[in-house]
């Protein structure tokens, strides 16, 4: 059982890591959805920042004056989703 738990924990850590990297460690919480049913894999991620729930493509909409903008390019979002789906 320990082998399974170790592998599962490593995959979870990888998912959290890539989502943190995307938001440049500037989130209060990360929410990750992952599903694998038969041959279909699906994943999503979003954040809690300044008491607001934010989808990845909307991060720049909640910036305060002087905050550095996020890179919310479609290419970057798909890179995160690709890694999440690989981990699933």
PDB file of N, CA and C in Angstrom:
ATOM      1  N   UNK A   1       0.820  -1.190   0.000  1.00  0.00           N
ATOM      2  CA  UNK A   1       0.000   0.000   0.000  1.00  0.00           C
ATOM      3  C   UNK A   1       0.865   1.255   0.000  1.00  0.00           C
ATOM      4  N   UNK A   2       1.982   1.220   0.669  1.00  0.00           N
ATOM      5  CA  UNK A   2       2.854   2.390   0.753  1.00  0.00           C
ATOM      6  C   UNK A   2       3.357   2.801  -0.623  1.00  0.00           C
ATOM      7  N   UNK A   3       3.637   1.844  -1.485  1.00  0.00           N
ATOM      8  CA  UNK A   3       4.117   2.160  -2.828  1.00  0.00           C
ATOM      9  C   UNK A   3       3.063   2.969  -3.592  1.00  0.00           C
ATOM     10  N   UNK A   4       1.800   2.541  -3.504  1.00  0.00           N
ATOM     11  CA  UNK A   4       0.719   3.279  -4.154  1.00  0.00           C
ATOM     12  C   UNK A   4       0.619   4.693  -3.598  1.00  0.00           C
ATOM     13  N   UNK A   5       0.631   4.821  -2.284  1.00  0.00           N
ATOM     14  CA  UNK A   5       0.501   6.129  -1.641  1.00  0.00           C
ATOM     15  C   UNK A   5       1.650   7.054  -2.031  1.00  0.00           C
ATOM     16  N   UNK A   6       2.854   6.505  -2.123  1.00  0.00           N
ATOM     17  CA  UNK A   6       4.009   7.311  -2.519  1.00  0.00           C
ATOM     18  C   UNK A   6       3.859   7.812  -3.955  1.00  0.00           C
ATOM     19  N   UNK A   7       3.449   6.941  -4.853  1.00  0.00           N
ATOM     20  CA  UNK A   7       3.260   7.341  -6.255  1.00  0.00           C
ATOM     21  C   UNK A   7       2.124   8.347  -6.388  1.00  0.00           C
ATOM     22  N   UNK A   8       1.030   8.105  -5.667  1.00  0.00           N
ATOM     23  CA  UNK A   8      -0.120   9.000  -5.713  1.00  0.00           C
ATOM     24  C   UNK A   8       0.261  10.384  -5.175  1.00  0.00           C
ATOM     25  N   UNK A   9       0.992  10.421  -4.085  1.00  0.00           N
ATOM     26  CA  UNK A   9       1.444  11.688  -3.501  1.00  0.00           C
ATOM     27  C   UNK A   9       2.373  12.440  -4.450  1.00  0.00           C
ATOM     28  N   UNK A  10       3.233  11.718  -5.135  1.00  0.00           N
ATOM     29  CA  UNK A  10       4.150  12.345  -6.087  1.00  0.00           C
ATOM     30  C   UNK A  10       3.374  12.982  -7.245  1.00  0.00           C
ATOM     31  N   UNK A  11       2.346  12.294  -7.734  1.00  0.00           N
ATOM     32  CA  UNK A  11       1.539  12.845  -8.819  1.00  0.00           C
ATOM     33  C   UNK A  11       0.762  14.081  -8.358  1.00  0.00           C
ATOM     34  N   UNK A  12       0.212  14.011  -7.149  1.00  0.00           N
ATOM     35  CA  UNK A  12      -0.485  15.178  -6.599  1.00  0.00           C
ATOM     36  C   UNK A  12       0.470  16.360  -6.458  1.00  0.00           C
ATOM     37  N   UNK A  13       1.643  16.103  -5.963  1.00  0.00           N
ATOM     38  CA  UNK A  13       2.637  17.168  -5.786  1.00  0.00           C
ATOM     39  C   UNK A  13       3.007  17.793  -7.128  1.00  0.00           C
ATOM     40  N   UNK A  14       3.113  16.979  -8.168  1.00  0.00           N
ATOM     41  CA  UNK A  14       3.426  17.491  -9.501  1.00  0.00           C
ATOM     42  C   UNK A  14       2.294  18.384 -10.005  1.00  0.00           C
ATOM     43  N   UNK A  15       1.050  17.975  -9.772  1.00  0.00           N
ATOM     44  CA  UNK A  15      -0.099  18.781 -10.198  1.00  0.00           C
ATOM     45  C   UNK A  15      -0.115  20.135  -9.483  1.00  0.00           C
ATOM     46  N   UNK A  16       0.103  20.102  -8.192  1.00  0.00           N
ATOM     47  CA  UNK A  16       0.128  21.350  -7.419  1.00  0.00           C
ATOM     48  C   UNK A  16       1.287  22.225  -7.881  1.00  0.00           C
ATOM     49  N   UNK A  17       2.423  21.633  -8.117  1.00  0.00           N
ATOM     50  CA  UNK A  17       3.608  22.376  -8.525  1.00  0.00           C
ATOM     51  C   UNK A  17       3.384  23.121  -9.842  1.00  0.00           C
ATOM     52  N   UNK A  18       2.827  22.454 -10.836  1.00  0.00           N
ATOM     53  CA  UNK A  18       2.632  23.108 -12.136  1.00  0.00           C
ATOM     54  C   UNK A  18       1.579  24.207 -12.035  1.00  0.00           C
ATOM     55  N   UNK A  19       0.563  24.005 -11.207  1.00  0.00           N
ATOM     56  CA  UNK A  19      -0.457  25.044 -11.029  1.00  0.00           C
ATOM     57  C   UNK A  19       0.105  26.242 -10.261  1.00  0.00           C
ATOM     58  N   UNK A  20       0.985  25.998  -9.308  1.00  0.00           N
ATOM     59  CA  UNK A  20       1.657  27.084  -8.596  1.00  0.00           C
ATOM     60  C   UNK A  20       2.593  27.854  -9.524  1.00  0.00           C
ATOM     61  N   UNK A  21       3.281  27.120 -10.379  1.00  0.00           N
ATOM     62  CA  UNK A  21       4.182  27.763 -11.334  1.00  0.00           C
ATOM     63  C   UNK A  21       3.393  28.680 -12.266  1.00  0.00           C
ATOM     64  N   UNK A  22       2.232  28.230 -12.723  1.00  0.00           N
ATOM     65  CA  UNK A  22       1.406  29.023 -13.632  1.00  0.00           C
ATOM     66  C   UNK A  22       1.012  30.354 -12.996  1.00  0.00           C
ATOM     67  N   UNK A  23       0.693  30.330 -11.700  1.00  0.00           N
ATOM     68  CA  UNK A  23       0.240  31.536 -11.001  1.00  0.00           C
ATOM     69  C   UNK A  23       1.393  32.252 -10.289  1.00  0.00           C
ATOM     70  N   UNK A  24       2.612  31.799 -10.565  1.00  0.00           N
ATOM     71  CA  UNK A  24       3.824  32.406 -10.020  1.00  0.00           C
ATOM     72  C   UNK A  24       3.794  32.478  -8.489  1.00  0.00           C
ATOM     73  N   UNK A  25       3.277  31.434  -7.876  1.00  0.00           N
ATOM     74  CA  UNK A  25       3.183  31.336  -6.405  1.00  0.00           C
ATOM     75  C   UNK A  25       2.391  32.484  -5.772  1.00  0.00           C
ATOM     76  N   UNK A  26       1.471  33.077  -6.530  1.00  0.00           N
ATOM     77  CA  UNK A  26       0.712  34.221  -6.017  1.00  0.00           C
ATOM     78  C   UNK A  26      -0.765  33.889  -5.839  1.00  0.00           C
ATOM     79  N   UNK A  27      -1.063  32.766  -5.226  1.00  0.00           N
ATOM     80  CA  UNK A  27      -2.448  32.379  -4.970  1.00  0.00           C
ATOM     81  C   UNK A  27      -2.596  31.970  -3.517  1.00  0.00           C
ATOM     82  N   UNK A  28      -3.775  32.235  -2.970  1.00  0.00           N
ATOM     83  CA  UNK A  28      -4.057  31.810  -1.606  1.00  0.00           C
ATOM     84  C   UNK A  28      -4.372  30.318  -1.562  1.00  0.00           C
ATOM     85  N   UNK A  29      -5.107  29.847  -2.568  1.00  0.00           N
ATOM     86  CA  UNK A  29      -5.445  28.426  -2.680  1.00  0.00           C
ATOM     87  C   UNK A  29      -5.495  28.031  -4.148  1.00  0.00           C
ATOM     88  N   UNK A  30      -5.258  26.740  -4.379  1.00  0.00           N
ATOM     89  CA  UNK A  30      -5.342  26.170  -5.720  1.00  0.00           C
ATOM     90  C   UNK A  30      -6.407  25.084  -5.691  1.00  0.00           C
ATOM     91  N   UNK A  31      -7.229  25.053  -6.721  1.00  0.00           N
ATOM     92  CA  UNK A  31      -8.227  23.996  -6.855  1.00  0.00           C
ATOM     93  C   UNK A  31      -7.944  23.261  -8.155  1.00  0.00           C
ATOM     94  N   UNK A  32      -7.836  21.944  -8.050  1.00  0.00           N
ATOM     95  CA  UNK A  32      -7.525  21.119  -9.216  1.00  0.00           C
ATOM     96  C   UNK A  32      -8.586  20.034  -9.337  1.00  0.00           C
ATOM     97  N   UNK A  33      -9.154  19.924 -10.533  1.00  0.00           N
ATOM     98  CA  UNK A  33     -10.119  18.875 -10.828  1.00  0.00           C
ATOM     99  C   UNK A  33      -9.439  17.903 -11.783  1.00  0.00           C
ATOM    100  N   UNK A  34      -9.541  16.622 -11.488  1.00  0.00           N
ATOM    101  CA  UNK A  34      -8.955  15.602 -12.349  1.00  0.00           C
ATOM    102  C   UNK A  34      -9.909  14.415 -12.435  1.00  0.00           C
ATOM    103  N   UNK A  35     -10.122  13.951 -13.664  1.00  0.00           N
ATOM    104  CA  UNK A  35     -11.041  12.833 -13.867  1.00  0.00           C
ATOM    105  C   UNK A  35     -10.503  11.914 -14.952  1.00  0.00           C
ATOM    106  N   UNK A  36     -10.692  10.620 -14.726  1.00  0.00           N
ATOM    107  CA  UNK A  36     -10.321   9.623 -15.721  1.00  0.00           C
ATOM    108  C   UNK A  36     -11.417   8.565 -15.741  1.00  0.00           C
ATOM    109  N   UNK A  37     -12.202   8.590 -16.796  1.00  0.00           N
ATOM    110  CA  UNK A  37     -13.284   7.625 -16.946  1.00  0.00           C
ATOM    111  C   UNK A  37     -13.116   6.910 -18.279  1.00  0.00           C
ATOM    112  N   UNK A  38     -12.912   5.625 -18.198  1.00  0.00           N
ATOM    113  CA  UNK A  38     -12.629   4.797 -19.371  1.00  0.00           C
ATOM    114  C   UNK A  38     -11.473   5.406 -20.149  1.00  0.00           C
ATOM    115  N   UNK A  39     -11.683   5.939 -21.336  1.00  0.00           N
ATOM    116  CA  UNK A  39     -10.586   6.473 -22.140  1.00  0.00           C
ATOM    117  C   UNK A  39     -10.544   7.998 -22.139  1.00  0.00           C
ATOM    118  N   UNK A  40     -11.357   8.638 -21.326  1.00  0.00           N
ATOM    119  CA  UNK A  40     -11.437  10.098 -21.321  1.00  0.00           C
ATOM    120  C   UNK A  40     -10.762  10.660 -20.070  1.00  0.00           C
ATOM    121  N   UNK A  41      -9.812  11.544 -20.281  1.00  0.00           N
ATOM    122  CA  UNK A  41      -9.157  12.249 -19.179  1.00  0.00           C
ATOM    123  C   UNK A  41      -9.572  13.708 -19.244  1.00  0.00           C
ATOM    124  N   UNK A  42      -9.818  14.276 -18.094  1.00  0.00           N
ATOM    125  CA  UNK A  42     -10.247  15.672 -18.039  1.00  0.00           C
ATOM    126  C   UNK A  42      -9.647  16.337 -16.815  1.00  0.00           C
ATOM    127  N   UNK A  43      -9.270  17.606 -16.978  1.00  0.00           N
ATOM    128  CA  UNK A  43      -8.736  18.342 -15.839  1.00  0.00           C
ATOM    129  C   UNK A  43      -9.046  19.823 -15.996  1.00  0.00           C
ATOM    130  N   UNK A  44      -9.117  20.476 -14.858  1.00  0.00           N
ATOM    131  CA  UNK A  44      -9.295  21.926 -14.799  1.00  0.00           C
ATOM    132  C   UNK A  44      -8.583  22.408 -13.555  1.00  0.00           C
ATOM    133  N   UNK A  45      -8.303  23.699 -13.523  1.00  0.00           N
ATOM    134  CA  UNK A  45      -7.692  24.288 -12.341  1.00  0.00           C
ATOM    135  C   UNK A  45      -8.136  25.739 -12.229  1.00  0.00           C
ATOM    136  N   UNK A  46      -8.240  26.196 -10.983  1.00  0.00           N
ATOM    137  CA  UNK A  46      -8.556  27.590 -10.742  1.00  0.00           C
ATOM    138  C   UNK A  46      -8.012  27.968  -9.375  1.00  0.00           C
ATOM    139  N   UNK A  47      -8.158  29.228  -9.022  1.00  0.00           N
ATOM    140  CA  UNK A  47      -7.479  29.751  -7.849  1.00  0.00           C
ATOM    141  C   UNK A  47      -8.395  30.586  -6.962  1.00  0.00           C
ATOM    142  N   UNK A  48      -7.977  30.736  -5.711  1.00  0.00           N
ATOM    143  CA  UNK A  48      -8.552  31.712  -4.798  1.00  0.00           C
ATOM    144  C   UNK A  48      -7.453  32.740  -4.544  1.00  0.00           C
ATOM    145  N   UNK A  49      -7.720  33.972  -4.971  1.00  0.00           N
ATOM    146  CA  UNK A  49      -6.759  35.060  -4.821  1.00  0.00           C
ATOM    147  C   UNK A  49      -7.514  36.276  -4.298  1.00  0.00           C
ATOM    148  N   UNK A  50      -7.058  36.835  -3.203  1.00  0.00           N
ATOM    149  CA  UNK A  50      -7.711  38.005  -2.603  1.00  0.00           C
ATOM    150  C   UNK A  50      -9.210  37.777  -2.405  1.00  0.00           C
ATOM    151  N   UNK A  51      -9.554  36.599  -1.889  1.00  0.00           N
ATOM    152  CA  UNK A  51     -10.955  36.220  -1.627  1.00  0.00           C
ATOM    153  C   UNK A  51     -11.830  36.175  -2.869  1.00  0.00           C
ATOM    154  N   UNK A  52     -11.219  35.966  -4.031  1.00  0.00           N
ATOM    155  CA  UNK A  52     -11.964  35.834  -5.276  1.00  0.00           C
ATOM    156  C   UNK A  52     -11.549  34.537  -5.971  1.00  0.00           C
ATOM    157  N   UNK A  53     -12.540  33.799  -6.457  1.00  0.00           N
ATOM    158  CA  UNK A  53     -12.258  32.608  -7.232  1.00  0.00           C
ATOM    159  C   UNK A  53     -11.995  33.047  -8.666  1.00  0.00           C
ATOM    160  N   UNK A  54     -10.875  32.555  -9.226  1.00  0.00           N
ATOM    161  CA  UNK A  54     -10.427  33.047 -10.519  1.00  0.00           C
ATOM    162  C   UNK A  54     -10.037  31.888 -11.436  1.00  0.00           C
ATOM    163  N   UNK A  55     -10.574  31.904 -12.646  1.00  0.00           N
ATOM    164  CA  UNK A  55     -10.146  30.940 -13.664  1.00  0.00           C
ATOM    165  C   UNK A  55      -8.794  31.390 -14.218  1.00  0.00           C
ATOM    166  N   UNK A  56      -8.018  30.457 -14.738  1.00  0.00           N
ATOM    167  CA  UNK A  56      -6.665  30.791 -15.194  1.00  0.00           C
ATOM    168  C   UNK A  56      -6.598  31.934 -16.218  1.00  0.00           C
ATOM    169  N   UNK A  57      -7.553  32.004 -17.104  1.00  0.00           N
ATOM    170  CA  UNK A  57      -7.508  33.039 -18.140  1.00  0.00           C
ATOM    171  C   UNK A  57      -7.976  34.409 -17.646  1.00  0.00           C
ATOM    172  N   UNK A  58      -8.476  34.475 -16.417  1.00  0.00           N
ATOM    173  CA  UNK A  58      -8.991  35.729 -15.851  1.00  0.00           C
ATOM    174  C   UNK A  58      -8.095  36.310 -14.755  1.00  0.00           C
ATOM    175  N   UNK A  59      -6.910  35.771 -14.567  1.00  0.00           N
ATOM    176  CA  UNK A  59      -6.031  36.216 -13.486  1.00  0.00           C
ATOM    177  C   UNK A  59      -5.741  37.712 -13.537  1.00  0.00           C
ATOM    178  N   UNK A  60      -5.544  38.254 -14.716  1.00  0.00           N
ATOM    179  CA  UNK A  60      -5.209  39.675 -14.826  1.00  0.00           C
ATOM    180  C   UNK A  60      -6.399  40.588 -14.530  1.00  0.00           C
ATOM    181  N   UNK A  61      -7.594  40.039 -14.514  1.00  0.00           N
ATOM    182  CA  UNK A  61      -8.784  40.843 -14.218  1.00  0.00           C
ATOM    183  C   UNK A  61      -8.888  41.233 -12.752  1.00  0.00           C
ATOM    184  N   UNK A  62      -8.159  40.561 -11.891  1.00  0.00           N
ATOM    185  CA  UNK A  62      -8.267  40.858 -10.449  1.00  0.00           C
ATOM    186  C   UNK A  62      -7.022  41.547  -9.885  1.00  0.00           C
ATOM    187  N   UNK A  63      -6.135  41.965 -10.750  1.00  0.00           N
ATOM    188  CA  UNK A  63      -4.911  42.617 -10.287  1.00  0.00           C
ATOM    189  C   UNK A  63      -5.227  43.938  -9.602  1.00  0.00           C
ATOM    190  N   UNK A  64      -4.439  44.236  -8.593  1.00  0.00           N
ATOM    191  CA  UNK A  64      -4.507  45.538  -7.929  1.00  0.00           C
ATOM    192  C   UNK A  64      -3.454  46.430  -8.568  1.00  0.00           C
ATOM    193  N   UNK A  65      -3.573  47.710  -8.375  1.00  0.00           N
ATOM    194  CA  UNK A  65      -2.599  48.662  -8.936  1.00  0.00           C
ATOM    195  C   UNK A  65      -1.177  48.265  -8.551  1.00  0.00           C
ATOM    196  N   UNK A  66      -0.333  48.213  -9.548  1.00  0.00           N
ATOM    197  CA  UNK A  66       1.068  47.903  -9.300  1.00  0.00           C
ATOM    198  C   UNK A  66       1.412  46.427  -9.341  1.00  0.00           C
ATOM    199  N   UNK A  67       0.403  45.541  -9.375  1.00  0.00           N
ATOM    200  CA  UNK A  67       0.672  44.102  -9.455  1.00  0.00           C
ATOM    201  C   UNK A  67       1.217  43.738 -10.830  1.00  0.00           C
ATOM    202  N   UNK A  68       2.150  42.826 -10.851  1.00  0.00           N
ATOM    203  CA  UNK A  68       2.711  42.314 -12.103  1.00  0.00           C
ATOM    204  C   UNK A  68       1.665  41.448 -12.802  1.00  0.00           C
ATOM    205  N   UNK A  69       1.526  41.622 -14.121  1.00  0.00           N
ATOM    206  CA  UNK A  69       0.564  40.827 -14.879  1.00  0.00           C
ATOM    207  C   UNK A  69       1.026  39.378 -14.997  1.00  0.00           C
ATOM    208  N   UNK A  70       0.038  38.494 -15.112  1.00  0.00           N
ATOM    209  CA  UNK A  70       0.290  37.065 -15.312  1.00  0.00           C
ATOM    210  C   UNK A  70       0.386  36.779 -16.803  1.00  0.00           C
ATOM    211  N   UNK A  71       1.127  35.758 -17.151  1.00  0.00           N
ATOM    212  CA  UNK A  71       1.132  35.248 -18.527  1.00  0.00           C
ATOM    213  C   UNK A  71      -0.012  34.248 -18.617  1.00  0.00           C
ATOM    214  N   UNK A  72      -1.124  34.673 -19.209  1.00  0.00           N
ATOM    215  CA  UNK A  72      -2.314  33.825 -19.297  1.00  0.00           C
ATOM    216  C   UNK A  72      -2.537  33.353 -20.731  1.00  0.00           C
ATOM    217  N   UNK A  73      -1.469  33.222 -21.477  1.00  0.00           N
ATOM    218  CA  UNK A  73      -1.583  32.802 -22.872  1.00  0.00           C
ATOM    219  C   UNK A  73      -2.202  31.407 -22.975  1.00  0.00           C
ATOM    220  N   UNK A  74      -2.901  31.199 -24.064  1.00  0.00           N
ATOM    221  CA  UNK A  74      -3.537  29.906 -24.312  1.00  0.00           C
ATOM    222  C   UNK A  74      -2.498  28.797 -24.328  1.00  0.00           C
ATOM    223  N   UNK A  75      -1.343  29.069 -24.941  1.00  0.00           N
ATOM    224  CA  UNK A  75      -0.274  28.072 -24.997  1.00  0.00           C
ATOM    225  C   UNK A  75       0.133  27.642 -23.590  1.00  0.00           C
ATOM    226  N   UNK A  76       0.281  28.598 -22.702  1.00  0.00           N
ATOM    227  CA  UNK A  76       0.707  28.293 -21.333  1.00  0.00           C
ATOM    228  C   UNK A  76      -0.368  27.507 -20.583  1.00  0.00           C
ATOM    229  N   UNK A  77      -1.629  27.870 -20.784  1.00  0.00           N
ATOM    230  CA  UNK A  77      -2.715  27.141 -20.130  1.00  0.00           C
ATOM    231  C   UNK A  77      -2.755  25.684 -20.598  1.00  0.00           C
ATOM    232  N   UNK A  78      -2.569  25.477 -21.899  1.00  0.00           N
ATOM    233  CA  UNK A  78      -2.577  24.104 -22.416  1.00  0.00           C
ATOM    234  C   UNK A  78      -1.370  23.307 -21.924  1.00  0.00           C
ATOM    235  N   UNK A  79      -0.252  23.980 -21.683  1.00  0.00           N
ATOM    236  CA  UNK A  79       0.903  23.280 -21.129  1.00  0.00           C
ATOM    237  C   UNK A  79       0.571  22.726 -19.744  1.00  0.00           C
ATOM    238  N   UNK A  80      -0.126  23.523 -18.931  1.00  0.00           N
ATOM    239  CA  UNK A  80      -0.529  23.061 -17.600  1.00  0.00           C
ATOM    240  C   UNK A  80      -1.504  21.896 -17.730  1.00  0.00           C
ATOM    241  N   UNK A  81      -2.507  22.048 -18.586  1.00  0.00           N
ATOM    242  CA  UNK A  81      -3.497  20.985 -18.755  1.00  0.00           C
ATOM    243  C   UNK A  81      -2.861  19.697 -19.273  1.00  0.00           C
ATOM    244  N   UNK A  82      -1.894  19.819 -20.162  1.00  0.00           N
ATOM    245  CA  UNK A  82      -1.191  18.626 -20.674  1.00  0.00           C
ATOM    246  C   UNK A  82      -0.496  17.882 -19.537  1.00  0.00           C
ATOM    247  N   UNK A  83       0.156  18.614 -18.656  1.00  0.00           N
ATOM    248  CA  UNK A  83       0.849  17.976 -17.529  1.00  0.00           C
ATOM    249  C   UNK A  83      -0.152  17.344 -16.569  1.00  0.00           C
ATOM    250  N   UNK A  84      -1.242  18.063 -16.289  1.00  0.00           N
ATOM    251  CA  UNK A  84      -2.274  17.487 -15.419  1.00  0.00           C
ATOM    252  C   UNK A  84      -2.819  16.194 -16.010  1.00  0.00           C
ATOM    253  N   UNK A  85      -3.110  16.201 -17.310  1.00  0.00           N
ATOM    254  CA  UNK A  85      -3.657  15.001 -17.946  1.00  0.00           C
ATOM    255  C   UNK A  85      -2.654  13.859 -17.993  1.00  0.00           C
ATOM    256  N   UNK A  86      -1.375  14.171 -18.137  1.00  0.00           N
ATOM    257  CA  UNK A  86      -0.344  13.124 -18.069  1.00  0.00           C
ATOM    258  C   UNK A  86      -0.322  12.494 -16.676  1.00  0.00           C
ATOM    259  N   UNK A  87      -0.440  13.334 -15.650  1.00  0.00           N
ATOM    260  CA  UNK A  87      -0.428  12.832 -14.280  1.00  0.00           C
ATOM    261  C   UNK A  87      -1.656  11.963 -13.985  1.00  0.00           C
ATOM    262  N   UNK A  88      -2.766  12.321 -14.590  1.00  0.00           N
ATOM    263  CA  UNK A  88      -3.989  11.518 -14.376  1.00  0.00           C
ATOM    264  C   UNK A  88      -3.745  10.122 -14.912  1.00  0.00           C
TER     265      UNK A  88
END
